[in-house]
Amino acid sequence: MTCTVVSRPLAEEQLVERARRGDAAAFEELVVAHQGIAFRTAYLFARNAADAEEAVQDAFVKAHRALRRFRAGAAFRPWLLAIVANEARNKRRSAGRRAGLALRVRELGAREEDRFGGAAPSPEAALLAGEGREQLLRAVESLREDDRDVIACRYFLELSEEETASALGLRRGTVKSRTHRALERLREAMA
C-alpha cells in the first residue's frame, strides 16, 4: 500500500517569511496569489491597462527588494497594495493622463454572472445593468480624486477599511470619514 502525501498550501505568513530568507519559489507563490488584486488596484489608479501592468511589475520588484524591511507578522496584502498604488499613481502622474475610470470587462462579466446566478441575464436586464453601471462610473469619475480613490478601494476592490488605509497611506478614521463624504457626494451626483 502506497501513501500519497498531499502538500497543503503554505500560509501567507510562512510564504512571506520564506521569501524574506531568499526563497524565490515562495515569493513567486505570493506574486501568483496577489497578481489579480494588484492589477485591479493599479488599473484603478493608473486608469490605463499598459501603465497598470508596468506599475504591477515595478511594484513586485520593489516589494521583493523591500521584503527584508517588511514587519514580521504584518498583513502582506495591504503592504503590497500600498506599493502598487504608489507605483500606479507615479505612472499616471508621469504620463500626465486623465483617462476615465473603468473596470476590466472580464471582471464585470463575472460580477454580472454572479448577480444572475450563473444564468445569462435577459437582454433587457443586461441593458439596464449596463446603463446603471455606466451612470455609476460617470458619477464616480466626477468625484474628486481622493473621493474616487477611497470609493475604488472600498467598493470596486472590496478592500476593508484597514486595507484601504494601508493602500492609500491614510489612517483608518480618515478612510471612514472620506468614505462617508464620498458616498454622500456620489449620491448627489447620481440624483
N, C-alpha and C. Protein backbone atom coordinates (compact mmCIF):
# COMPACT_ATOMS: atom_id res chain seq x y z
N MET A 1 0.84 -1.18 0.00
CA MET A 1 0.00 0.00 0.00
C MET A 1 0.89 1.25 0.00
N THR A 2 0.66 2.12 -0.94
CA THR A 2 1.44 3.34 -1.01
C THR A 2 0.61 4.51 -0.52
N CYS A 3 1.26 5.37 0.19
CA CYS A 3 0.60 6.58 0.68
C CYS A 3 1.04 7.75 -0.18
N THR A 4 0.08 8.55 -0.51
CA THR A 4 0.38 9.76 -1.26
C THR A 4 0.33 10.94 -0.30
N VAL A 5 1.38 11.69 -0.28
CA VAL A 5 1.43 12.86 0.58
C VAL A 5 0.93 14.05 -0.23
N VAL A 6 -0.08 14.68 0.30
CA VAL A 6 -0.64 15.86 -0.35
C VAL A 6 -0.17 17.07 0.44
N SER A 7 0.52 17.96 -0.22
CA SER A 7 1.01 19.13 0.49
C SER A 7 -0.07 20.21 0.51
N ARG A 8 -0.22 20.82 1.65
CA ARG A 8 -1.17 21.92 1.80
C ARG A 8 -0.46 23.21 1.43
N PRO A 9 -1.21 24.15 0.89
CA PRO A 9 -0.57 25.43 0.59
C PRO A 9 -0.09 26.08 1.88
N LEU A 10 1.04 26.72 1.79
CA LEU A 10 1.58 27.40 2.96
C LEU A 10 0.76 28.64 3.28
N ALA A 11 0.68 28.93 4.55
CA ALA A 11 0.01 30.16 4.96
C ALA A 11 0.83 31.34 4.45
N GLU A 12 0.14 32.42 4.19
CA GLU A 12 0.80 33.59 3.63
C GLU A 12 1.97 34.06 4.50
N GLU A 13 1.78 34.02 5.80
CA GLU A 13 2.84 34.44 6.72
C GLU A 13 4.09 33.59 6.54
N GLN A 14 3.90 32.28 6.34
CA GLN A 14 5.04 31.39 6.11
C GLN A 14 5.72 31.69 4.78
N LEU A 15 4.91 31.95 3.76
CA LEU A 15 5.48 32.29 2.45
C LEU A 15 6.30 33.57 2.54
N VAL A 16 5.77 34.57 3.23
CA VAL A 16 6.49 35.84 3.37
C VAL A 16 7.81 35.61 4.09
N GLU A 17 7.76 34.83 5.16
CA GLU A 17 8.99 34.57 5.91
C GLU A 17 10.01 33.83 5.06
N ARG A 18 9.56 32.84 4.30
CA ARG A 18 10.49 32.12 3.41
C ARG A 18 11.04 33.05 2.34
N ALA A 19 10.17 33.90 1.78
CA ALA A 19 10.62 34.85 0.75
C ALA A 19 11.62 35.83 1.34
N ARG A 20 11.41 36.25 2.58
CA ARG A 20 12.35 37.17 3.25
C ARG A 20 13.73 36.53 3.39
N ARG A 21 13.75 35.21 3.51
CA ARG A 21 15.03 34.49 3.64
C ARG A 21 15.63 34.15 2.29
N GLY A 22 14.98 34.62 1.20
CA GLY A 22 15.56 34.42 -0.12
C GLY A 22 14.96 33.31 -0.94
N ASP A 23 13.88 32.72 -0.51
CA ASP A 23 13.24 31.63 -1.24
C ASP A 23 12.44 32.22 -2.41
N ALA A 24 12.98 32.08 -3.61
CA ALA A 24 12.35 32.65 -4.81
C ALA A 24 11.00 32.00 -5.10
N ALA A 25 10.87 30.70 -4.85
CA ALA A 25 9.61 30.00 -5.10
C ALA A 25 8.51 30.52 -4.18
N ALA A 26 8.85 30.85 -2.96
CA ALA A 26 7.86 31.39 -2.02
C ALA A 26 7.39 32.76 -2.50
N PHE A 27 8.32 33.58 -2.96
CA PHE A 27 7.91 34.90 -3.46
C PHE A 27 7.05 34.74 -4.72
N GLU A 28 7.40 33.79 -5.56
CA GLU A 28 6.60 33.54 -6.76
C GLU A 28 5.17 33.15 -6.40
N GLU A 29 5.00 32.35 -5.34
CA GLU A 29 3.66 32.00 -4.89
C GLU A 29 2.90 33.24 -4.42
N LEU A 30 3.59 34.14 -3.75
CA LEU A 30 2.95 35.38 -3.31
C LEU A 30 2.53 36.22 -4.51
N VAL A 31 3.37 36.28 -5.52
CA VAL A 31 3.05 37.03 -6.74
C VAL A 31 1.80 36.44 -7.39
N VAL A 32 1.79 35.13 -7.57
CA VAL A 32 0.64 34.48 -8.21
C VAL A 32 -0.64 34.73 -7.40
N ALA A 33 -0.54 34.65 -6.08
CA ALA A 33 -1.72 34.83 -5.23
C ALA A 33 -2.27 36.25 -5.28
N HIS A 34 -1.40 37.24 -5.53
CA HIS A 34 -1.83 38.64 -5.43
C HIS A 34 -1.82 39.40 -6.76
N GLN A 35 -1.47 38.75 -7.85
CA GLN A 35 -1.35 39.50 -9.10
C GLN A 35 -2.69 40.05 -9.59
N GLY A 36 -3.78 39.35 -9.35
CA GLY A 36 -5.10 39.83 -9.78
C GLY A 36 -5.50 41.11 -9.06
N ILE A 37 -5.45 41.09 -7.73
CA ILE A 37 -5.83 42.28 -6.95
C ILE A 37 -4.82 43.40 -7.19
N ALA A 38 -3.56 43.04 -7.43
CA ALA A 38 -2.55 44.07 -7.71
C ALA A 38 -2.86 44.78 -9.02
N PHE A 39 -3.24 44.01 -10.05
CA PHE A 39 -3.57 44.65 -11.33
C PHE A 39 -4.81 45.52 -11.20
N ARG A 40 -5.84 45.01 -10.52
CA ARG A 40 -7.07 45.80 -10.37
C ARG A 40 -6.78 47.10 -9.63
N THR A 41 -5.95 47.02 -8.59
CA THR A 41 -5.57 48.22 -7.84
C THR A 41 -4.82 49.19 -8.74
N ALA A 42 -3.83 48.69 -9.45
CA ALA A 42 -3.03 49.56 -10.33
C ALA A 42 -3.90 50.18 -11.41
N TYR A 43 -4.83 49.41 -11.95
CA TYR A 43 -5.69 49.92 -13.02
C TYR A 43 -6.57 51.06 -12.52
N LEU A 44 -7.08 50.93 -11.30
CA LEU A 44 -7.92 51.98 -10.76
C LEU A 44 -7.16 53.28 -10.55
N PHE A 45 -5.88 53.17 -10.23
CA PHE A 45 -5.08 54.37 -10.01
C PHE A 45 -4.45 54.89 -11.30
N ALA A 46 -3.96 54.00 -12.14
CA ALA A 46 -3.28 54.41 -13.38
C ALA A 46 -4.29 54.74 -14.48
N ARG A 47 -5.42 54.06 -14.45
CA ARG A 47 -6.51 54.26 -15.42
C ARG A 47 -6.09 53.92 -16.85
N ASN A 48 -5.13 53.03 -16.96
CA ASN A 48 -4.63 52.62 -18.26
C ASN A 48 -4.03 51.22 -18.08
N ALA A 49 -4.46 50.26 -18.89
CA ALA A 49 -4.03 48.88 -18.70
C ALA A 49 -2.52 48.71 -18.85
N ALA A 50 -1.93 49.36 -19.84
CA ALA A 50 -0.48 49.21 -20.05
C ALA A 50 0.29 49.79 -18.86
N ASP A 51 -0.12 50.96 -18.40
CA ASP A 51 0.55 51.56 -17.24
C ASP A 51 0.32 50.72 -15.99
N ALA A 52 -0.87 50.15 -15.86
CA ALA A 52 -1.17 49.31 -14.70
C ALA A 52 -0.28 48.07 -14.69
N GLU A 53 -0.13 47.44 -15.84
CA GLU A 53 0.74 46.26 -15.91
C GLU A 53 2.17 46.61 -15.54
N GLU A 54 2.64 47.72 -16.06
CA GLU A 54 4.00 48.16 -15.75
C GLU A 54 4.14 48.50 -14.27
N ALA A 55 3.12 49.15 -13.71
CA ALA A 55 3.15 49.51 -12.28
C ALA A 55 3.18 48.26 -11.41
N VAL A 56 2.42 47.24 -11.79
CA VAL A 56 2.40 45.99 -11.03
C VAL A 56 3.77 45.32 -11.07
N GLN A 57 4.36 45.27 -12.25
CA GLN A 57 5.69 44.66 -12.36
C GLN A 57 6.69 45.42 -11.50
N ASP A 58 6.68 46.74 -11.61
CA ASP A 58 7.59 47.56 -10.80
C ASP A 58 7.33 47.37 -9.31
N ALA A 59 6.05 47.28 -8.94
CA ALA A 59 5.70 47.12 -7.53
C ALA A 59 6.19 45.78 -6.98
N PHE A 60 6.05 44.71 -7.76
CA PHE A 60 6.53 43.42 -7.28
C PHE A 60 8.05 43.42 -7.14
N VAL A 61 8.74 44.08 -8.05
CA VAL A 61 10.20 44.19 -7.93
C VAL A 61 10.55 44.97 -6.67
N LYS A 62 9.88 46.10 -6.44
CA LYS A 62 10.15 46.90 -5.24
C LYS A 62 9.79 46.14 -3.97
N ALA A 63 8.68 45.42 -4.01
CA ALA A 63 8.28 44.64 -2.84
C ALA A 63 9.32 43.57 -2.53
N HIS A 64 9.82 42.92 -3.56
CA HIS A 64 10.84 41.89 -3.36
C HIS A 64 12.08 42.50 -2.72
N ARG A 65 12.49 43.65 -3.22
CA ARG A 65 13.68 44.33 -2.66
C ARG A 65 13.45 44.79 -1.23
N ALA A 66 12.21 45.13 -0.90
CA ALA A 66 11.89 45.67 0.43
C ALA A 66 11.47 44.60 1.43
N LEU A 67 11.44 43.35 1.02
CA LEU A 67 10.96 42.29 1.92
C LEU A 67 11.70 42.25 3.25
N ARG A 68 12.96 42.53 3.24
CA ARG A 68 13.73 42.48 4.49
C ARG A 68 13.24 43.53 5.49
N ARG A 69 12.65 44.61 4.98
CA ARG A 69 12.13 45.66 5.85
C ARG A 69 10.67 45.43 6.23
N PHE A 70 10.04 44.42 5.63
CA PHE A 70 8.64 44.11 5.93
C PHE A 70 8.55 43.64 7.38
N ARG A 71 7.60 44.20 8.10
CA ARG A 71 7.43 43.89 9.52
C ARG A 71 6.83 42.49 9.68
N ALA A 72 7.55 41.62 10.35
CA ALA A 72 7.09 40.24 10.57
C ALA A 72 5.76 40.25 11.29
N GLY A 73 4.84 39.42 10.81
CA GLY A 73 3.52 39.33 11.42
C GLY A 73 2.50 40.30 10.85
N ALA A 74 2.96 41.29 10.08
CA ALA A 74 2.03 42.25 9.47
C ALA A 74 1.34 41.60 8.28
N ALA A 75 0.23 42.17 7.89
CA ALA A 75 -0.50 41.65 6.73
C ALA A 75 0.24 42.03 5.45
N PHE A 76 0.46 41.06 4.59
CA PHE A 76 1.22 41.28 3.37
C PHE A 76 0.42 42.04 2.32
N ARG A 77 -0.83 41.67 2.11
CA ARG A 77 -1.64 42.25 1.04
C ARG A 77 -1.75 43.77 1.13
N PRO A 78 -2.12 44.36 2.27
CA PRO A 78 -2.19 45.83 2.32
C PRO A 78 -0.83 46.49 2.07
N TRP A 79 0.23 45.88 2.57
CA TRP A 79 1.57 46.41 2.35
C TRP A 79 1.90 46.41 0.86
N LEU A 80 1.61 45.30 0.20
CA LEU A 80 1.86 45.19 -1.23
C LEU A 80 1.00 46.18 -2.01
N LEU A 81 -0.28 46.27 -1.67
CA LEU A 81 -1.19 47.16 -2.40
C LEU A 81 -0.81 48.63 -2.23
N ALA A 82 -0.22 48.98 -1.11
CA ALA A 82 0.28 50.35 -0.93
C ALA A 82 1.40 50.63 -1.93
N ILE A 83 2.28 49.66 -2.12
CA ILE A 83 3.36 49.81 -3.10
C ILE A 83 2.78 49.90 -4.51
N VAL A 84 1.82 49.04 -4.81
CA VAL A 84 1.18 49.04 -6.13
C VAL A 84 0.50 50.37 -6.39
N ALA A 85 -0.26 50.86 -5.41
CA ALA A 85 -0.97 52.14 -5.57
C ALA A 85 0.01 53.28 -5.82
N ASN A 86 1.10 53.30 -5.09
CA ASN A 86 2.10 54.36 -5.29
C ASN A 86 2.71 54.29 -6.68
N GLU A 87 3.05 53.09 -7.11
CA GLU A 87 3.62 52.93 -8.45
C GLU A 87 2.63 53.36 -9.53
N ALA A 88 1.38 52.98 -9.36
CA ALA A 88 0.36 53.34 -10.36
C ALA A 88 0.13 54.85 -10.38
N ARG A 89 0.10 55.47 -9.21
CA ARG A 89 -0.04 56.95 -9.16
C ARG A 89 1.14 57.60 -9.88
N ASN A 90 2.33 57.08 -9.65
CA ASN A 90 3.50 57.63 -10.31
C ASN A 90 3.40 57.49 -11.82
N LYS A 91 2.91 56.34 -12.29
CA LYS A 91 2.74 56.14 -13.73
C LYS A 91 1.75 57.15 -14.29
N ARG A 92 0.65 57.35 -13.58
CA ARG A 92 -0.38 58.28 -14.06
C ARG A 92 0.17 59.70 -14.09
N ARG A 93 0.88 60.08 -13.04
CA ARG A 93 1.43 61.44 -12.99
C ARG A 93 2.46 61.66 -14.09
N SER A 94 3.35 60.69 -14.26
CA SER A 94 4.42 60.87 -15.24
C SER A 94 3.86 60.91 -16.65
N ALA A 95 2.80 60.19 -16.90
CA ALA A 95 2.20 60.19 -18.23
C ALA A 95 1.33 61.42 -18.44
N GLY A 96 0.85 62.03 -17.35
CA GLY A 96 0.01 63.21 -17.48
C GLY A 96 -1.37 62.90 -18.03
N ARG A 97 -1.81 61.65 -17.88
CA ARG A 97 -3.10 61.26 -18.43
C ARG A 97 -4.20 61.38 -17.39
N ARG A 98 -5.38 61.62 -17.86
CA ARG A 98 -6.58 61.59 -17.02
C ARG A 98 -7.66 60.79 -17.73
N ALA A 99 -7.39 59.49 -17.88
CA ALA A 99 -8.36 58.63 -18.56
C ALA A 99 -9.54 58.35 -17.64
N GLY A 100 -10.65 57.93 -18.20
CA GLY A 100 -11.85 57.63 -17.43
C GLY A 100 -11.69 56.37 -16.59
N LEU A 101 -12.38 56.37 -15.44
CA LEU A 101 -12.35 55.21 -14.56
C LEU A 101 -13.19 54.11 -15.18
N ALA A 102 -12.59 52.91 -15.28
CA ALA A 102 -13.34 51.78 -15.84
C ALA A 102 -12.86 50.51 -15.17
N LEU A 103 -13.64 49.50 -15.21
CA LEU A 103 -13.26 48.19 -14.67
C LEU A 103 -13.02 47.23 -15.81
N ARG A 104 -12.20 46.27 -15.58
CA ARG A 104 -11.90 45.28 -16.62
C ARG A 104 -13.18 44.55 -17.02
N VAL A 105 -13.36 44.35 -18.31
CA VAL A 105 -14.56 43.73 -18.84
C VAL A 105 -14.76 42.34 -18.27
N ARG A 106 -13.70 41.62 -18.16
CA ARG A 106 -13.82 40.24 -17.66
C ARG A 106 -14.38 40.21 -16.25
N GLU A 107 -13.91 41.11 -15.40
CA GLU A 107 -14.39 41.14 -14.02
C GLU A 107 -15.85 41.55 -13.97
N LEU A 108 -16.23 42.52 -14.79
CA LEU A 108 -17.62 42.94 -14.81
C LEU A 108 -18.51 41.81 -15.29
N GLY A 109 -18.05 41.09 -16.28
CA GLY A 109 -18.82 39.95 -16.75
C GLY A 109 -19.00 38.91 -15.66
N ALA A 110 -17.94 38.69 -14.89
CA ALA A 110 -18.03 37.71 -13.80
C ALA A 110 -19.02 38.19 -12.75
N ARG A 111 -19.01 39.48 -12.45
CA ARG A 111 -19.94 40.01 -11.46
C ARG A 111 -21.37 39.91 -11.96
N GLU A 112 -21.59 40.18 -13.24
CA GLU A 112 -22.94 40.05 -13.80
C GLU A 112 -23.40 38.61 -13.74
N GLU A 113 -22.47 37.68 -14.01
CA GLU A 113 -22.81 36.27 -13.95
C GLU A 113 -23.22 35.88 -12.54
N ASP A 114 -22.45 36.36 -11.53
CA ASP A 114 -22.78 36.09 -10.14
C ASP A 114 -24.15 36.66 -9.78
N ARG A 115 -24.39 37.86 -10.27
CA ARG A 115 -25.65 38.55 -9.97
C ARG A 115 -26.85 37.79 -10.48
N PHE A 116 -26.71 37.12 -11.60
CA PHE A 116 -27.82 36.39 -12.19
C PHE A 116 -27.72 34.89 -11.93
N GLY A 117 -26.96 34.51 -10.91
CA GLY A 117 -26.87 33.11 -10.52
C GLY A 117 -26.24 32.21 -11.57
N GLY A 118 -25.36 32.74 -12.39
CA GLY A 118 -24.69 31.93 -13.40
C GLY A 118 -25.47 31.85 -14.69
N ALA A 119 -26.75 32.22 -14.64
CA ALA A 119 -27.56 32.20 -15.87
C ALA A 119 -27.37 33.50 -16.61
N ALA A 120 -27.47 33.43 -17.89
CA ALA A 120 -27.32 34.65 -18.70
C ALA A 120 -28.53 35.54 -18.44
N PRO A 121 -28.29 36.84 -18.20
CA PRO A 121 -29.41 37.75 -17.98
C PRO A 121 -30.16 37.96 -19.30
N SER A 122 -31.40 38.36 -19.16
CA SER A 122 -32.16 38.67 -20.37
C SER A 122 -31.52 39.88 -21.05
N PRO A 123 -31.72 40.07 -22.33
CA PRO A 123 -31.14 41.24 -22.99
C PRO A 123 -31.58 42.55 -22.34
N GLU A 124 -32.84 42.60 -21.89
CA GLU A 124 -33.33 43.82 -21.24
C GLU A 124 -32.60 44.06 -19.93
N ALA A 125 -32.44 43.00 -19.12
CA ALA A 125 -31.75 43.14 -17.83
C ALA A 125 -30.29 43.52 -18.03
N ALA A 126 -29.65 42.93 -19.03
CA ALA A 126 -28.25 43.26 -19.32
C ALA A 126 -28.12 44.72 -19.74
N LEU A 127 -29.06 45.21 -20.56
CA LEU A 127 -29.02 46.60 -20.99
C LEU A 127 -29.19 47.55 -19.81
N LEU A 128 -30.16 47.26 -18.94
CA LEU A 128 -30.39 48.11 -17.77
C LEU A 128 -29.19 48.08 -16.83
N ALA A 129 -28.63 46.89 -16.62
CA ALA A 129 -27.45 46.78 -15.76
C ALA A 129 -26.28 47.56 -16.35
N GLY A 130 -26.11 47.47 -17.66
CA GLY A 130 -25.03 48.20 -18.33
C GLY A 130 -25.23 49.70 -18.22
N GLU A 131 -26.45 50.17 -18.41
CA GLU A 131 -26.73 51.60 -18.30
C GLU A 131 -26.49 52.09 -16.88
N GLY A 132 -26.93 51.30 -15.90
CA GLY A 132 -26.71 51.67 -14.49
C GLY A 132 -25.24 51.73 -14.15
N ARG A 133 -24.47 50.76 -14.66
CA ARG A 133 -23.03 50.72 -14.42
C ARG A 133 -22.36 51.94 -15.04
N GLU A 134 -22.77 52.27 -16.27
CA GLU A 134 -22.19 53.45 -16.94
C GLU A 134 -22.50 54.72 -16.17
N GLN A 135 -23.73 54.84 -15.69
CA GLN A 135 -24.11 56.02 -14.91
C GLN A 135 -23.28 56.10 -13.63
N LEU A 136 -23.12 54.97 -12.96
CA LEU A 136 -22.32 54.93 -11.74
C LEU A 136 -20.87 55.31 -12.02
N LEU A 137 -20.28 54.74 -13.07
CA LEU A 137 -18.89 55.06 -13.39
C LEU A 137 -18.70 56.53 -13.73
N ARG A 138 -19.67 57.12 -14.46
CA ARG A 138 -19.60 58.55 -14.76
C ARG A 138 -19.68 59.38 -13.48
N ALA A 139 -20.56 58.97 -12.57
CA ALA A 139 -20.69 59.69 -11.30
C ALA A 139 -19.42 59.57 -10.47
N VAL A 140 -18.83 58.37 -10.42
CA VAL A 140 -17.58 58.19 -9.68
C VAL A 140 -16.47 59.03 -10.32
N GLU A 141 -16.42 59.04 -11.64
CA GLU A 141 -15.39 59.83 -12.34
C GLU A 141 -15.53 61.32 -12.06
N SER A 142 -16.74 61.77 -11.76
CA SER A 142 -16.95 63.20 -11.50
C SER A 142 -16.49 63.62 -10.10
N LEU A 143 -16.20 62.64 -9.24
CA LEU A 143 -15.76 62.95 -7.88
C LEU A 143 -14.32 63.46 -7.87
N ARG A 144 -13.95 64.09 -6.76
CA ARG A 144 -12.55 64.50 -6.57
C ARG A 144 -11.69 63.25 -6.50
N GLU A 145 -10.41 63.40 -6.79
CA GLU A 145 -9.50 62.25 -6.85
C GLU A 145 -9.46 61.47 -5.53
N ASP A 146 -9.38 62.16 -4.38
CA ASP A 146 -9.31 61.43 -3.12
C ASP A 146 -10.60 60.67 -2.83
N ASP A 147 -11.75 61.22 -3.27
CA ASP A 147 -13.02 60.51 -3.13
C ASP A 147 -13.05 59.28 -4.04
N ARG A 148 -12.59 59.45 -5.29
CA ARG A 148 -12.55 58.32 -6.23
C ARG A 148 -11.68 57.20 -5.69
N ASP A 149 -10.53 57.57 -5.14
CA ASP A 149 -9.59 56.56 -4.65
C ASP A 149 -10.21 55.72 -3.52
N VAL A 150 -10.85 56.40 -2.57
CA VAL A 150 -11.41 55.66 -1.44
C VAL A 150 -12.61 54.81 -1.89
N ILE A 151 -13.44 55.33 -2.79
CA ILE A 151 -14.56 54.55 -3.33
C ILE A 151 -14.04 53.34 -4.11
N ALA A 152 -13.03 53.56 -4.93
CA ALA A 152 -12.47 52.47 -5.72
C ALA A 152 -11.93 51.36 -4.83
N CYS A 153 -11.18 51.74 -3.80
CA CYS A 153 -10.61 50.71 -2.92
C CYS A 153 -11.70 49.98 -2.13
N ARG A 154 -12.63 50.72 -1.54
CA ARG A 154 -13.64 50.10 -0.69
C ARG A 154 -14.65 49.27 -1.48
N TYR A 155 -15.11 49.78 -2.63
CA TYR A 155 -16.23 49.13 -3.30
C TYR A 155 -15.86 48.40 -4.59
N PHE A 156 -14.92 48.90 -5.35
CA PHE A 156 -14.53 48.19 -6.57
C PHE A 156 -13.55 47.08 -6.27
N LEU A 157 -12.60 47.35 -5.37
CA LEU A 157 -11.62 46.33 -4.99
C LEU A 157 -12.06 45.53 -3.78
N GLU A 158 -13.10 46.01 -3.10
CA GLU A 158 -13.67 45.36 -1.92
C GLU A 158 -12.63 45.17 -0.81
N LEU A 159 -11.82 46.22 -0.59
CA LEU A 159 -10.85 46.18 0.49
C LEU A 159 -11.53 46.61 1.79
N SER A 160 -11.04 46.11 2.90
CA SER A 160 -11.55 46.54 4.20
C SER A 160 -11.08 47.96 4.46
N GLU A 161 -11.62 48.58 5.51
CA GLU A 161 -11.17 49.93 5.87
C GLU A 161 -9.67 49.93 6.16
N GLU A 162 -9.23 48.92 6.89
CA GLU A 162 -7.82 48.83 7.25
C GLU A 162 -6.93 48.65 6.02
N GLU A 163 -7.35 47.78 5.10
CA GLU A 163 -6.57 47.58 3.87
C GLU A 163 -6.57 48.84 3.01
N THR A 164 -7.71 49.53 2.96
CA THR A 164 -7.79 50.79 2.21
C THR A 164 -6.85 51.81 2.82
N ALA A 165 -6.86 51.90 4.14
CA ALA A 165 -5.98 52.85 4.83
C ALA A 165 -4.53 52.57 4.49
N SER A 166 -4.16 51.32 4.53
CA SER A 166 -2.78 50.95 4.21
C SER A 166 -2.45 51.24 2.75
N ALA A 167 -3.35 50.88 1.84
CA ALA A 167 -3.09 51.08 0.42
C ALA A 167 -2.99 52.56 0.05
N LEU A 168 -3.76 53.40 0.73
CA LEU A 168 -3.76 54.83 0.41
C LEU A 168 -2.84 55.65 1.32
N GLY A 169 -2.25 55.00 2.31
CA GLY A 169 -1.37 55.72 3.23
C GLY A 169 -2.12 56.66 4.15
N LEU A 170 -3.30 56.24 4.60
CA LEU A 170 -4.14 57.07 5.46
C LEU A 170 -4.40 56.35 6.77
N ARG A 171 -4.96 57.09 7.73
CA ARG A 171 -5.42 56.47 8.96
C ARG A 171 -6.79 55.86 8.72
N ARG A 172 -7.13 54.85 9.51
CA ARG A 172 -8.41 54.17 9.33
C ARG A 172 -9.59 55.14 9.52
N GLY A 173 -9.49 56.02 10.50
CA GLY A 173 -10.55 57.01 10.73
C GLY A 173 -10.72 57.94 9.54
N THR A 174 -9.62 58.29 8.90
CA THR A 174 -9.68 59.14 7.71
C THR A 174 -10.40 58.41 6.58
N VAL A 175 -10.11 57.12 6.43
CA VAL A 175 -10.79 56.32 5.41
C VAL A 175 -12.29 56.31 5.69
N LYS A 176 -12.64 56.12 6.94
CA LYS A 176 -14.05 56.05 7.32
C LYS A 176 -14.76 57.37 6.99
N SER A 177 -14.17 58.49 7.36
CA SER A 177 -14.82 59.78 7.10
C SER A 177 -14.82 60.12 5.62
N ARG A 178 -13.72 59.82 4.91
CA ARG A 178 -13.70 60.08 3.47
C ARG A 178 -14.72 59.22 2.73
N THR A 179 -14.85 57.98 3.16
CA THR A 179 -15.83 57.09 2.53
C THR A 179 -17.23 57.66 2.72
N HIS A 180 -17.53 58.09 3.93
CA HIS A 180 -18.86 58.66 4.20
C HIS A 180 -19.12 59.88 3.33
N ARG A 181 -18.16 60.80 3.29
CA ARG A 181 -18.32 62.02 2.48
C ARG A 181 -18.38 61.70 0.99
N ALA A 182 -17.55 60.77 0.56
CA ALA A 182 -17.54 60.40 -0.86
C ALA A 182 -18.87 59.76 -1.27
N LEU A 183 -19.43 58.93 -0.40
CA LEU A 183 -20.72 58.32 -0.70
C LEU A 183 -21.82 59.37 -0.78
N GLU A 184 -21.77 60.37 0.10
CA GLU A 184 -22.75 61.47 0.04
C GLU A 184 -22.63 62.21 -1.29
N ARG A 185 -21.40 62.51 -1.69
CA ARG A 185 -21.19 63.21 -2.96
C ARG A 185 -21.62 62.34 -4.15
N LEU A 186 -21.39 61.04 -4.03
CA LEU A 186 -21.79 60.13 -5.09
C LEU A 186 -23.31 60.07 -5.20
N ARG A 187 -23.99 60.04 -4.04
CA ARG A 187 -25.46 60.05 -4.07
C ARG A 187 -25.98 61.31 -4.77
N GLU A 188 -25.36 62.44 -4.45
CA GLU A 188 -25.76 63.70 -5.08
C GLU A 188 -25.52 63.65 -6.59
N ALA A 189 -24.38 63.10 -6.99
CA ALA A 189 -24.06 63.01 -8.42
C ALA A 189 -25.00 62.08 -9.15
N MET A 190 -25.48 61.05 -8.47
CA MET A 190 -26.36 60.07 -9.09
C MET A 190 -27.80 60.58 -9.17
N ALA A 191 -28.14 61.56 -8.32
CA ALA A 191 -29.54 62.06 -8.26
C ALA A 191 -29.91 62.84 -9.50
